[in-house]
Amino acid sequence: MNKYLASHVSALPPSGIRKFFDLVATMKDVISLGVGEPDFVTPWTVRESGIFSLEEGQTMYTSNAGLFELREELSHHLSKTMNLSYDPHKEILVTSGASEAVDLVMRAVLEPGDVVLVPDPSYVSYAPCAKLAGASVNYVPTFAKENFRLRVEDLARAYTPKAKLLVLSYPNNPTGAIMNYEDLLPIAEFVAEHDLLVLTDDIYSDLTYDGTHVSFASLPGMQDRTILVSGFSKSYAMTGWRIGYAAGHADLIQGMTKIHQFTMLCAPIMGQFAALEALRSANEAKNDMVTAYDRRRRLMVHGFRQMGLDCFEPLGAFYIFPDISKTNLSSEEFAEELLKEENVAVVPGTAFGPSGEGHIRCSYAYSMEQLQEALKRISQFVGRRLANTK
């Protein structure tokens, strides 16, 4: 039946993350550092709010744009945390996770022939969503020696007059890199000069360990040409609730809402009530989780450096992206042989773009005990490989 599939769907490769996740499911005694999902349970007050909404019989559709009460709270949240002002009536859309919001942005603004500029490495969904919307992708390489920050000179080299949308994702998945105000300013000048739209994925904004997160939308003149995407999955351990949101100019949000109302209709109502409660009462629990991630982050950096690998120190998100090139293995070979020999699952860096070669991504959203055992096993594996290279 493959002949019936659209050619652009057939051409899409499967997710490099899911390939290893599916393989792990068939094995025993595997420590998986592959999936970016908090190991914490959603805070009780948030779960209780979802349960109470069900007990009250709140099982119907909401407005396509989402509960107004939630949009209003999101407006307050963005004002308080990022100094951004959005009208909850027409500039905020509640989605089924941040991933749906990314897809809606792409489909709402892209046409065949358009080009999307995607920093490399970055989250696996950006390029496929762009291609499903009929656009093509130009990757903008980032480098460990530059702290994996997007540089305007590299952006200029990847630019084409057909470029319409730039994707920004900081804190970054998979590298853990962040960009501060001074880093973003030349990017904003380039965006204005070339009349680009920007999708800024701020899903890890609360998981910043050095300074305070700066959203690209907060830079002078950037709010109207930026669609801010975020959600509750990472910060509040709410992956399964599937609640995200987008904020932007009313015209852009209206276009996204048109697609949303004909496909998803609305995000799950019990998830929306839970998200509302998260914003109101779960910030202390969120901060406790961030503190735990920070401890794990430092453990992972020390562990990889101690085993002899170069390792950029992540300053955001909950991933580490060590350089494994000293082992003389490709990213794919390293991940496959590590899984076979030591029963530890990691993701090849190439799953996140061409510039990911020579790296692996490890999530540290796992317990300290699991991380310590994983590091022990990886160290044994790396030790054997480094001994063979001498």
Foldseek 3Di string as FASTA:
>chain_A
DCVPDDPLVVPDDDFLLVVLVVVLVVDPPFQELRDQFFPDDFDPLLVVLLVVCVVVVVFDFDALQADLLLLVLVQVVCCVAAVDHFDSVFFKGKFQALLLVLLLLLLLPDDAQAEEEEEPQADLRNQSSNVVSNYHYFYQYADVVNQRAGAVVSVVVSDDLRYAEYEAEPVGPPALGHADPVSCVVVVVVCVVSVHAYEYECAFQVLFQPDHHHTSLSPPPRQARYKYKYFCCNLRSPVPQRIIMIGHDRVSSVSSSVVSCVPVVHRGNSSSSSSSSCSVPVVVVSVVLSVQLVVLLVVVCVLCVVLPWDWRRRRTRFKTKIFLVLLVDWLVRLQVVLCVPQSYHWGQLCSRPPNSIRIIMGGSSDDPVSSVSNSVSSSVVSVVSNVVVD
